[in-house]
Amino acid sequence: MEERDKKQLRIAGKRADFMKSIVVFFIINAGFWGIWAITSHDNSSMWQMWPLWPTLGWIAGAVIQYFEIKTYAARVEELNTSA
């Protein structure tokens, strides 16, 4: 297998991992928000909306992961066109 093919497989693997993490994000965060909806009766304060904070953190991590994959794929493509 050529080096180029290995890099393409690595990109595909990273994209598959990203999609898995997005699915897990929705499942876990739906659980967080469901627990919050069931247990919070009259808490209307923004600070008591605790699922917001892990959700925002997870979104930040997903954005970082997305751009890492995108920049890695761009570097590989640049190397393939220059070689």
N, C-alpha and C. Protein backbone atom coordinates (compact mmCIF):
# COMPACT_ATOMS: atom_id res chain seq x y z
N MET A 1 0.85 -1.18 0.00
CA MET A 1 0.00 0.00 0.00
C MET A 1 0.90 1.24 0.00
N GLU A 2 0.55 2.17 -0.84
CA GLU A 2 1.34 3.39 -0.94
C GLU A 2 1.11 4.30 0.27
N GLU A 3 2.05 5.19 0.48
CA GLU A 3 1.95 6.14 1.59
C GLU A 3 0.71 7.03 1.43
N ARG A 4 0.42 7.39 0.18
CA ARG A 4 -0.75 8.23 -0.08
C ARG A 4 -2.04 7.51 0.33
N ASP A 5 -2.12 6.24 0.04
CA ASP A 5 -3.30 5.46 0.41
C ASP A 5 -3.45 5.35 1.92
N LYS A 6 -2.33 5.21 2.61
CA LYS A 6 -2.36 5.13 4.07
C LYS A 6 -2.89 6.44 4.67
N LYS A 7 -2.45 7.56 4.09
CA LYS A 7 -2.91 8.85 4.58
C LYS A 7 -4.40 9.04 4.30
N GLN A 8 -4.86 8.59 3.13
CA GLN A 8 -6.28 8.69 2.81
C GLN A 8 -7.11 7.84 3.76
N LEU A 9 -6.61 6.66 4.10
CA LEU A 9 -7.31 5.80 5.07
C LEU A 9 -7.34 6.45 6.45
N ARG A 10 -6.25 7.12 6.81
CA ARG A 10 -6.22 7.79 8.11
C ARG A 10 -7.24 8.93 8.16
N ILE A 11 -7.36 9.68 7.07
CA ILE A 11 -8.36 10.75 7.00
C ILE A 11 -9.76 10.16 7.12
N ALA A 12 -10.01 9.07 6.41
CA ALA A 12 -11.33 8.42 6.48
C ALA A 12 -11.62 7.94 7.90
N GLY A 13 -10.62 7.41 8.56
CA GLY A 13 -10.78 6.97 9.95
C GLY A 13 -11.08 8.12 10.88
N LYS A 14 -10.39 9.24 10.68
CA LYS A 14 -10.64 10.42 11.51
C LYS A 14 -12.06 10.94 11.29
N ARG A 15 -12.51 10.93 10.05
CA ARG A 15 -13.87 11.39 9.76
C ARG A 15 -14.91 10.45 10.39
N ALA A 16 -14.65 9.16 10.34
CA ALA A 16 -15.57 8.19 10.96
C ALA A 16 -15.60 8.39 12.46
N ASP A 17 -14.44 8.61 13.07
CA ASP A 17 -14.39 8.87 14.52
C ASP A 17 -15.16 10.14 14.87
N PHE A 18 -15.05 11.15 14.02
CA PHE A 18 -15.77 12.40 14.26
C PHE A 18 -17.28 12.16 14.22
N MET A 19 -17.74 11.39 13.25
CA MET A 19 -19.17 11.12 13.15
C MET A 19 -19.66 10.32 14.37
N LYS A 20 -18.84 9.39 14.85
CA LYS A 20 -19.20 8.64 16.05
C LYS A 20 -19.32 9.57 17.25
N SER A 21 -18.39 10.49 17.36
CA SER A 21 -18.43 11.41 18.51
C SER A 21 -19.63 12.35 18.43
N ILE A 22 -20.08 12.69 17.23
CA ILE A 22 -21.28 13.52 17.08
C ILE A 22 -22.52 12.74 17.52
N VAL A 23 -22.59 11.47 17.16
CA VAL A 23 -23.72 10.63 17.59
C VAL A 23 -23.73 10.52 19.12
N VAL A 24 -22.57 10.26 19.71
CA VAL A 24 -22.47 10.17 21.17
C VAL A 24 -22.85 11.50 21.81
N PHE A 25 -22.43 12.60 21.20
CA PHE A 25 -22.79 13.93 21.69
C PHE A 25 -24.30 14.08 21.82
N PHE A 26 -25.03 13.73 20.77
CA PHE A 26 -26.48 13.89 20.80
C PHE A 26 -27.13 12.96 21.82
N ILE A 27 -26.66 11.74 21.93
CA ILE A 27 -27.25 10.79 22.87
C ILE A 27 -27.02 11.24 24.31
N ILE A 28 -25.77 11.56 24.65
CA ILE A 28 -25.44 11.95 26.02
C ILE A 28 -26.11 13.28 26.39
N ASN A 29 -26.06 14.24 25.48
CA ASN A 29 -26.65 15.53 25.80
C ASN A 29 -28.18 15.47 25.87
N ALA A 30 -28.80 14.60 25.10
CA ALA A 30 -30.24 14.41 25.24
C ALA A 30 -30.54 13.87 26.64
N GLY A 31 -29.69 12.97 27.13
CA GLY A 31 -29.85 12.47 28.49
C GLY A 31 -29.67 13.56 29.53
N PHE A 32 -28.64 14.38 29.37
CA PHE A 32 -28.41 15.50 30.30
C PHE A 32 -29.63 16.40 30.36
N TRP A 33 -30.11 16.82 29.18
CA TRP A 33 -31.23 17.75 29.14
C TRP A 33 -32.52 17.08 29.63
N GLY A 34 -32.66 15.79 29.39
CA GLY A 34 -33.82 15.08 29.90
C GLY A 34 -33.83 15.02 31.42
N ILE A 35 -32.66 14.72 31.99
CA ILE A 35 -32.54 14.69 33.46
C ILE A 35 -32.84 16.07 34.03
N TRP A 36 -32.28 17.09 33.39
CA TRP A 36 -32.52 18.45 33.87
C TRP A 36 -34.01 18.81 33.80
N ALA A 37 -34.67 18.43 32.70
CA ALA A 37 -36.09 18.76 32.53
C ALA A 37 -36.95 18.06 33.57
N ILE A 38 -36.57 16.84 33.92
CA ILE A 38 -37.34 16.08 34.91
C ILE A 38 -37.11 16.60 36.32
N THR A 39 -35.87 16.96 36.63
CA THR A 39 -35.53 17.31 38.01
C THR A 39 -35.67 18.79 38.34
N SER A 40 -35.71 19.65 37.35
CA SER A 40 -35.83 21.09 37.65
C SER A 40 -37.30 21.49 37.53
N HIS A 41 -37.87 21.89 38.63
CA HIS A 41 -39.30 22.22 38.61
C HIS A 41 -39.53 23.71 38.43
N ASP A 42 -38.93 24.51 39.28
CA ASP A 42 -39.16 25.94 39.17
C ASP A 42 -37.85 26.73 39.11
N ASN A 43 -36.79 26.07 38.70
CA ASN A 43 -35.48 26.73 38.59
C ASN A 43 -35.42 27.44 37.24
N SER A 44 -35.61 28.73 37.25
CA SER A 44 -35.62 29.47 35.99
C SER A 44 -34.32 30.22 35.74
N SER A 45 -33.40 30.14 36.67
CA SER A 45 -32.14 30.86 36.52
C SER A 45 -31.26 30.19 35.47
N MET A 46 -30.57 30.99 34.69
CA MET A 46 -29.66 30.47 33.67
C MET A 46 -28.54 29.65 34.30
N TRP A 47 -28.09 30.02 35.48
CA TRP A 47 -26.98 29.32 36.13
C TRP A 47 -27.40 27.95 36.63
N GLN A 48 -28.69 27.76 36.83
CA GLN A 48 -29.16 26.45 37.27
C GLN A 48 -29.47 25.53 36.09
N MET A 49 -29.25 26.01 34.90
CA MET A 49 -29.42 25.19 33.70
C MET A 49 -28.09 24.48 33.42
N TRP A 50 -27.73 23.56 34.29
CA TRP A 50 -26.42 22.94 34.27
C TRP A 50 -26.07 22.18 32.99
N PRO A 51 -27.00 21.59 32.23
CA PRO A 51 -26.58 20.89 31.01
C PRO A 51 -26.01 21.81 29.93
N LEU A 52 -26.26 23.11 30.07
CA LEU A 52 -25.74 24.05 29.10
C LEU A 52 -24.21 24.02 29.06
N TRP A 53 -23.59 23.93 30.22
CA TRP A 53 -22.13 24.02 30.29
C TRP A 53 -21.43 22.80 29.68
N PRO A 54 -21.81 21.56 29.97
CA PRO A 54 -21.17 20.46 29.27
C PRO A 54 -21.49 20.45 27.78
N THR A 55 -22.69 20.92 27.42
CA THR A 55 -23.04 20.97 26.00
C THR A 55 -22.14 21.95 25.26
N LEU A 56 -21.94 23.14 25.83
CA LEU A 56 -21.06 24.12 25.19
C LEU A 56 -19.62 23.63 25.12
N GLY A 57 -19.16 22.99 26.18
CA GLY A 57 -17.81 22.44 26.17
C GLY A 57 -17.64 21.37 25.11
N TRP A 58 -18.62 20.51 24.99
CA TRP A 58 -18.56 19.44 24.01
C TRP A 58 -18.61 20.01 22.59
N ILE A 59 -19.41 21.05 22.39
CA ILE A 59 -19.45 21.69 21.07
C ILE A 59 -18.08 22.28 20.73
N ALA A 60 -17.45 22.92 21.70
CA ALA A 60 -16.11 23.48 21.45
C ALA A 60 -15.13 22.38 21.07
N GLY A 61 -15.18 21.25 21.75
CA GLY A 61 -14.31 20.13 21.42
C GLY A 61 -14.59 19.58 20.04
N ALA A 62 -15.86 19.50 19.66
CA ALA A 62 -16.22 19.00 18.34
C ALA A 62 -15.75 19.94 17.23
N VAL A 63 -15.84 21.24 17.49
CA VAL A 63 -15.36 22.22 16.49
C VAL A 63 -13.85 22.08 16.31
N ILE A 64 -13.13 21.93 17.41
CA ILE A 64 -11.68 21.74 17.34
C ILE A 64 -11.35 20.47 16.57
N GLN A 65 -12.05 19.38 16.87
CA GLN A 65 -11.82 18.11 16.18
C GLN A 65 -12.10 18.26 14.69
N TYR A 66 -13.16 18.95 14.33
CA TYR A 66 -13.51 19.16 12.93
C TYR A 66 -12.40 19.90 12.18
N PHE A 67 -11.89 20.98 12.78
CA PHE A 67 -10.85 21.74 12.10
C PHE A 67 -9.52 21.00 12.06
N GLU A 68 -9.24 20.15 13.03
CA GLU A 68 -8.04 19.33 12.96
C GLU A 68 -8.11 18.37 11.77
N ILE A 69 -9.26 17.77 11.58
CA ILE A 69 -9.43 16.85 10.43
C ILE A 69 -9.33 17.62 9.13
N LYS A 70 -9.97 18.77 9.07
CA LYS A 70 -9.97 19.56 7.84
C LYS A 70 -8.55 20.03 7.48
N THR A 71 -7.80 20.50 8.46
CA THR A 71 -6.44 20.97 8.16
C THR A 71 -5.52 19.81 7.82
N TYR A 72 -5.70 18.66 8.48
CA TYR A 72 -4.88 17.48 8.15
C TYR A 72 -5.16 17.04 6.72
N ALA A 73 -6.44 17.00 6.34
CA ALA A 73 -6.80 16.60 4.97
C ALA A 73 -6.25 17.58 3.96
N ALA A 74 -6.27 18.86 4.28
CA ALA A 74 -5.73 19.87 3.36
C ALA A 74 -4.22 19.72 3.20
N ARG A 75 -3.52 19.42 4.31
CA ARG A 75 -2.07 19.21 4.21
C ARG A 75 -1.74 17.99 3.36
N VAL A 76 -2.49 16.92 3.56
CA VAL A 76 -2.26 15.70 2.77
C VAL A 76 -2.53 15.97 1.30
N GLU A 77 -3.61 16.67 1.00
CA GLU A 77 -3.93 17.00 -0.39
C GLU A 77 -2.85 17.88 -1.00
N GLU A 78 -2.33 18.82 -0.23
CA GLU A 78 -1.26 19.69 -0.72
C GLU A 78 -0.01 18.88 -1.03
N LEU A 79 0.32 17.94 -0.15
CA LEU A 79 1.49 17.08 -0.39
C LEU A 79 1.29 16.19 -1.61
N ASN A 80 0.07 15.72 -1.82
CA ASN A 80 -0.21 14.86 -2.96
C ASN A 80 -0.12 15.63 -4.28
N THR A 81 -0.54 16.87 -4.30
CA THR A 81 -0.48 17.64 -5.54
C THR A 81 0.92 18.14 -5.83
N SER A 82 1.72 18.38 -4.79
CA SER A 82 3.08 18.87 -5.03
C SER A 82 4.05 17.74 -5.37
N ALA A 83 3.70 16.52 -5.02
CA ALA A 83 4.61 15.38 -5.28
C ALA A 83 4.37 14.78 -6.64
